[in-house]
Amino acid sequence: MTAHAHGVETRIEGSVAVWTLNRPQRRNALARATVRQLGILARAVAKDRAVRAVVLTGEGDQAFCAGADLHERQSMTHEDVRDLLSLYRSSFGAVDRCPKPIVAAINGVALGGGFELALACDFRVMATHANVGLPEVSLGIIPGAGGIPRLTRLVGEARAKELILFSERLDADAALASGVVHRVGDPAIDVALEMARSLAAGSPTAIAQALAAVDGCAGASLDAALSIERRCYERTLESPDREEALRAFREKRAPVFQPPTED
């Protein structure tokens, strides 16, 4: 079953949700309603026991997302833009914090806010013809939807400055070499779905806690990071997933993990 709301098409394939930015006439640009809808979806899927992984892509093969909807931006006041930046932070933050792994299938250009959305995902797959970048400085502004801290964490301060200040675009090979994307392949959606299905077959509890630990440790001191890791480990210790994995090992079979019984 496929649903469509505010520029995002959604469907379920087994235990994988697929979200498609579906505004090809605007190169899948991010209208306010679309940004808001992404936050709604991320918060909903976090509580949906049936969904274990998500793939996020764009309609067609030309654009994952070309960034902000500049037609909409033309009529915005400064206060409107400030409100939009807060909405970006809220919605992209929900994507970033989602306990279900989200794989971005970058099937075409991902620029500005579109690249920032991909950076909020846990994994990025890029088509060979695609390119990504943050061109905001060339337009007299800076990235404002989380692109600066997320890119800096990925590639380091020096490389982030270069990419942002020179508004540099990366092709697939350069993005892979820089660590911006995890895999390159055509079509990107197929590679992303393969990754998502593999993740969906894993322990929901362990994956959620591993994501929480990695995210929590970023920027923390070693002592603080070790404490975060320990807390997350403790949550897996009493999990039925652990018992199932041990039982499967004894019985020489693949484990079959069930959806968690509690949120």
Protein backbone atom coordinates (compact mmCIF):
# COMPACT_ATOMS: atom_id res chain seq x y z
CA MET A 1 0.00 0.00 0.00
CA THR A 2 1.28 3.43 -0.98
CA ALA A 3 0.34 6.69 0.70
CA HIS A 4 1.17 10.26 -0.27
CA ALA A 5 1.17 13.38 1.88
CA HIS A 6 2.85 16.77 1.55
CA GLY A 7 5.36 15.72 -1.09
CA VAL A 8 6.38 12.41 0.51
CA GLU A 9 5.22 9.05 -0.82
CA THR A 10 5.37 6.17 1.65
CA ARG A 11 5.12 2.42 1.27
CA ILE A 12 6.03 -0.67 3.27
CA GLU A 13 8.06 -3.56 1.89
CA GLY A 14 8.06 -6.27 4.53
CA SER A 15 9.68 -4.70 7.57
CA VAL A 16 11.24 -1.83 5.58
CA ALA A 17 9.53 1.54 5.11
CA VAL A 18 10.32 3.43 1.91
CA TRP A 19 9.90 7.20 1.88
CA THR A 20 10.13 8.93 -1.49
CA LEU A 21 10.37 12.69 -1.90
CA ASN A 22 7.85 13.10 -4.69
CA ARG A 23 8.01 16.61 -6.11
CA PRO A 24 9.84 15.95 -9.40
CA GLN A 25 8.58 19.21 -10.91
CA ARG A 26 10.67 20.96 -8.22
CA ARG A 27 13.52 18.43 -8.30
CA ASN A 28 12.10 17.06 -5.03
CA ALA A 29 12.81 20.35 -3.27
CA LEU A 30 11.87 20.77 0.38
CA ALA A 31 8.72 22.80 0.94
CA ARG A 32 7.80 23.60 4.52
CA ALA A 33 5.04 20.99 4.47
CA THR A 34 7.49 18.38 3.22
CA VAL A 35 10.00 19.12 5.97
CA ARG A 36 7.24 18.90 8.56
CA GLN A 37 6.00 15.61 7.08
CA LEU A 38 9.45 14.05 7.31
CA GLY A 39 9.51 14.80 11.03
CA ILE A 40 6.05 13.30 11.47
CA LEU A 41 7.12 10.13 9.64
CA ALA A 42 10.35 9.78 11.63
CA ARG A 43 8.56 10.12 14.96
CA ALA A 44 5.85 7.65 13.90
CA VAL A 45 8.23 5.00 12.60
CA ALA A 46 10.24 5.20 15.83
CA LYS A 47 7.18 3.74 17.60
CA ASP A 48 6.11 1.32 14.85
CA ARG A 49 7.16 -2.18 15.94
CA ALA A 50 6.53 -3.59 12.45
CA VAL A 51 9.11 -1.34 10.79
CA ARG A 52 12.75 -2.14 11.43
CA ALA A 53 14.54 0.00 8.82
CA VAL A 54 13.80 2.88 6.45
CA VAL A 55 14.97 3.85 2.97
CA LEU A 56 14.67 7.52 1.99
CA THR A 57 14.99 8.49 -1.68
CA GLY A 58 13.75 10.91 -4.33
CA GLU A 59 11.41 10.41 -7.25
CA GLY A 60 13.09 9.86 -10.63
CA ASP A 61 16.78 9.62 -11.41
CA GLN A 62 17.72 13.29 -11.59
CA ALA A 63 17.41 14.50 -8.02
CA PHE A 64 17.38 13.07 -4.53
CA CYS A 65 16.58 16.58 -3.34
CA ALA A 66 17.74 19.89 -4.80
CA GLY A 67 17.42 21.64 -1.45
CA ALA A 68 15.00 24.32 -0.31
CA ASP A 69 12.04 25.23 -2.48
CA LEU A 70 13.27 28.60 -3.76
CA HIS A 71 9.85 29.46 -5.19
CA GLU A 72 8.45 29.25 -1.66
CA ARG A 73 11.44 31.10 -0.21
CA GLN A 74 10.86 34.17 -2.40
CA SER A 75 7.84 35.24 -0.37
CA MET A 76 9.35 34.56 3.05
CA THR A 77 10.20 37.23 5.59
CA HIS A 78 13.27 36.93 7.80
CA GLU A 79 11.02 35.62 10.58
CA ASP A 80 9.57 33.04 8.22
CA VAL A 81 13.08 31.82 7.42
CA ARG A 82 13.94 31.64 11.12
CA ASP A 83 10.81 29.56 11.73
CA LEU A 84 11.76 27.29 8.84
CA LEU A 85 15.25 26.75 10.26
CA SER A 86 13.66 25.68 13.55
CA LEU A 87 11.43 23.28 11.63
CA TYR A 88 14.48 21.84 9.84
CA ARG A 89 16.18 21.30 13.18
CA SER A 90 13.13 19.57 14.63
CA SER A 91 12.35 17.34 11.63
CA PHE A 92 15.92 16.46 10.63
CA GLY A 93 16.65 15.88 14.31
CA ALA A 94 13.82 13.34 14.41
CA VAL A 95 15.38 11.60 11.40
CA ASP A 96 18.81 11.67 13.05
CA ARG A 97 17.57 10.35 16.40
CA CYS A 98 15.27 7.64 15.01
CA PRO A 99 16.06 4.27 16.65
CA LYS A 100 15.39 2.54 13.32
CA PRO A 101 18.32 2.79 10.86
CA ILE A 102 17.59 5.10 7.91
CA VAL A 103 19.39 4.63 4.59
CA ALA A 104 19.43 7.53 2.11
CA ALA A 105 19.39 6.40 -1.52
CA ILE A 106 20.90 9.41 -3.30
CA ASN A 107 19.60 8.83 -6.80
CA GLY A 108 20.58 12.23 -8.24
CA VAL A 109 21.73 15.62 -7.04
CA ALA A 110 21.56 16.27 -3.29
CA LEU A 111 22.28 19.93 -2.69
CA GLY A 112 21.88 22.27 0.25
CA GLY A 113 19.03 21.09 2.44
CA GLY A 114 18.79 17.92 0.38
CA PHE A 115 22.36 16.98 1.27
CA GLU A 116 21.72 18.02 4.87
CA LEU A 117 18.75 15.64 4.96
CA ALA A 118 20.94 12.81 3.65
CA LEU A 119 23.56 13.65 6.29
CA ALA A 120 20.90 13.21 9.00
CA CYS A 121 20.42 9.59 7.87
CA ASP A 122 22.51 6.75 9.29
CA PHE A 123 23.73 5.48 5.92
CA ARG A 124 24.08 6.98 2.45
CA VAL A 125 24.12 5.14 -0.89
CA MET A 126 24.92 7.17 -4.00
CA ALA A 127 24.21 6.53 -7.67
CA THR A 128 27.24 6.80 -9.95
CA HIS A 129 25.83 9.84 -11.77
CA ALA A 130 24.80 11.72 -8.62
CA ASN A 131 26.58 14.58 -6.90
CA VAL A 132 26.27 16.22 -3.49
CA GLY A 133 27.25 19.55 -2.00
CA LEU A 134 26.47 22.52 0.20
CA PRO A 135 26.38 25.58 -2.12
CA GLU A 136 24.95 28.03 0.43
CA VAL A 137 28.07 30.21 0.82
CA SER A 138 28.00 30.95 -2.91
CA LEU A 139 24.44 32.24 -2.34
CA GLY A 140 25.45 34.55 0.51
CA ILE A 141 24.28 32.34 3.40
CA ILE A 142 25.56 29.22 5.18
CA PRO A 143 24.06 25.76 5.65
CA GLY A 144 21.43 26.02 8.36
CA ALA A 145 19.76 22.61 8.60
CA GLY A 146 22.49 20.76 10.47
CA GLY A 147 24.86 20.32 7.55
CA ILE A 148 27.84 22.01 9.16
CA PRO A 149 28.11 19.93 12.36
CA ARG A 150 27.11 16.68 10.66
CA LEU A 151 29.53 17.10 7.76
CA THR A 152 32.32 18.15 10.13
CA ARG A 153 31.82 15.00 12.20
CA LEU A 154 32.07 12.91 9.04
CA VAL A 155 35.06 14.44 7.28
CA GLY A 156 36.83 16.57 9.88
CA GLU A 157 37.15 20.31 10.31
CA ALA A 158 39.65 21.01 7.52
CA ARG A 159 37.78 19.12 4.81
CA ALA A 160 34.41 20.49 5.95
CA LYS A 161 35.72 24.04 5.64
CA GLU A 162 36.95 23.31 2.13
CA LEU A 163 33.68 21.78 0.99
CA ILE A 164 31.53 24.50 2.54
CA LEU A 165 33.56 27.64 1.82
CA PHE A 166 34.27 26.67 -1.80
CA SER A 167 30.73 25.32 -2.32
CA GLU A 168 32.39 22.20 -3.67
CA ARG A 169 30.34 19.43 -5.22
CA LEU A 170 31.39 15.82 -4.83
CA ASP A 171 30.76 13.14 -7.40
CA ALA A 172 30.14 9.57 -6.27
CA ASP A 173 33.79 8.50 -6.24
CA ALA A 174 34.91 11.59 -4.32
CA ALA A 175 32.03 11.27 -1.85
CA LEU A 176 32.93 7.64 -1.20
CA ALA A 177 36.62 8.44 -0.77
CA SER A 178 35.77 11.27 1.65
CA GLY A 179 33.58 9.04 3.79
CA VAL A 180 30.47 11.06 2.99
CA VAL A 181 28.69 8.03 1.54
CA HIS A 182 28.99 4.38 2.44
CA ARG A 183 28.34 2.70 -0.90
CA VAL A 184 28.04 3.58 -4.58
CA GLY A 185 25.85 1.60 -6.95
CA ASP A 186 23.10 1.69 -9.55
CA PRO A 187 20.27 1.94 -9.01
CA ALA A 188 20.90 3.44 -5.59
CA ILE A 189 17.48 2.39 -4.34
CA ASP A 190 18.30 -1.30 -4.88
CA VAL A 191 21.57 -1.04 -2.96
CA ALA A 192 19.82 0.87 -0.17
CA LEU A 193 17.01 -1.69 0.03
CA GLU A 194 19.54 -4.50 0.28
CA MET A 195 21.22 -2.71 3.20
CA ALA A 196 17.88 -1.98 4.86
CA ARG A 197 16.69 -5.57 4.58
CA SER A 198 19.92 -6.80 6.13
CA LEU A 199 19.51 -4.33 8.99
CA ALA A 200 15.84 -5.28 9.39
CA ALA A 201 16.83 -8.92 9.92
CA GLY A 202 19.03 -7.98 12.87
CA SER A 203 18.19 -7.51 16.51
CA PRO A 204 15.94 -4.44 16.85
CA THR A 205 17.13 -3.84 20.40
CA ALA A 206 20.83 -4.19 19.62
CA ILE A 207 20.60 -1.98 16.54
CA ALA A 208 18.67 0.73 18.40
CA GLN A 209 21.14 0.70 21.28
CA ALA A 210 24.17 0.66 18.98
CA LEU A 211 22.79 3.71 17.17
CA ALA A 212 22.14 5.44 20.51
CA ALA A 213 25.66 4.62 21.70
CA VAL A 214 27.39 5.88 18.56
CA ASP A 215 25.34 9.07 18.49
CA GLY A 216 25.79 9.66 22.22
CA CYS A 217 29.55 9.09 22.13
CA ALA A 218 30.14 11.62 19.36
CA GLY A 219 31.98 14.55 20.91
CA ALA A 220 31.91 13.05 24.42
CA SER A 221 34.99 12.53 26.56
CA LEU A 222 36.28 8.96 26.78
CA ASP A 223 34.91 8.49 30.30
CA ALA A 224 31.51 9.85 29.29
CA ALA A 225 31.49 7.73 26.14
CA LEU A 226 32.32 4.59 28.11
CA SER A 227 29.41 5.32 30.45
CA ILE A 228 27.06 5.79 27.49
CA GLU A 229 28.24 2.51 25.97
CA ARG A 230 27.68 0.70 29.28
CA ARG A 231 24.13 2.07 29.65
CA CYS A 232 23.24 1.00 26.13
CA TYR A 233 24.78 -2.44 26.68
CA GLU A 234 22.71 -2.90 29.83
CA ARG A 235 19.55 -2.39 27.78
CA THR A 236 20.52 -5.28 25.53
CA LEU A 237 21.46 -7.60 28.41
CA GLU A 238 17.87 -8.34 29.42
CA SER A 239 16.56 -8.32 25.85
CA PRO A 240 14.81 -11.40 24.38
CA ASP A 241 17.03 -10.82 21.35
CA ARG A 242 20.08 -11.87 23.32
CA GLU A 243 18.41 -15.09 24.43
CA GLU A 244 17.29 -15.84 20.88
CA ALA A 245 20.79 -15.26 19.50
CA LEU A 246 22.30 -17.66 22.07
CA ARG A 247 19.58 -20.23 21.42
CA ALA A 248 20.11 -19.99 17.66
CA PHE A 249 23.86 -20.46 18.12
CA ARG A 250 23.27 -23.64 20.13
CA GLU A 251 20.79 -24.92 17.54
CA LYS A 252 23.07 -24.00 14.60
CA ARG A 253 20.50 -21.80 12.86
CA ALA A 254 20.00 -18.16 12.03
CA PRO A 255 18.32 -16.15 14.80
CA VAL A 256 14.78 -14.95 14.26
CA PHE A 257 14.30 -11.69 16.13
CA GLN A 258 10.81 -10.53 17.08
CA PRO A 259 9.60 -6.94 17.30
CA PRO A 260 10.10 -5.48 20.79
CA THR A 261 7.13 -5.87 23.10
CA GLU A 262 7.52 -2.36 24.55
CA ASP A 263 8.33 1.05 23.08
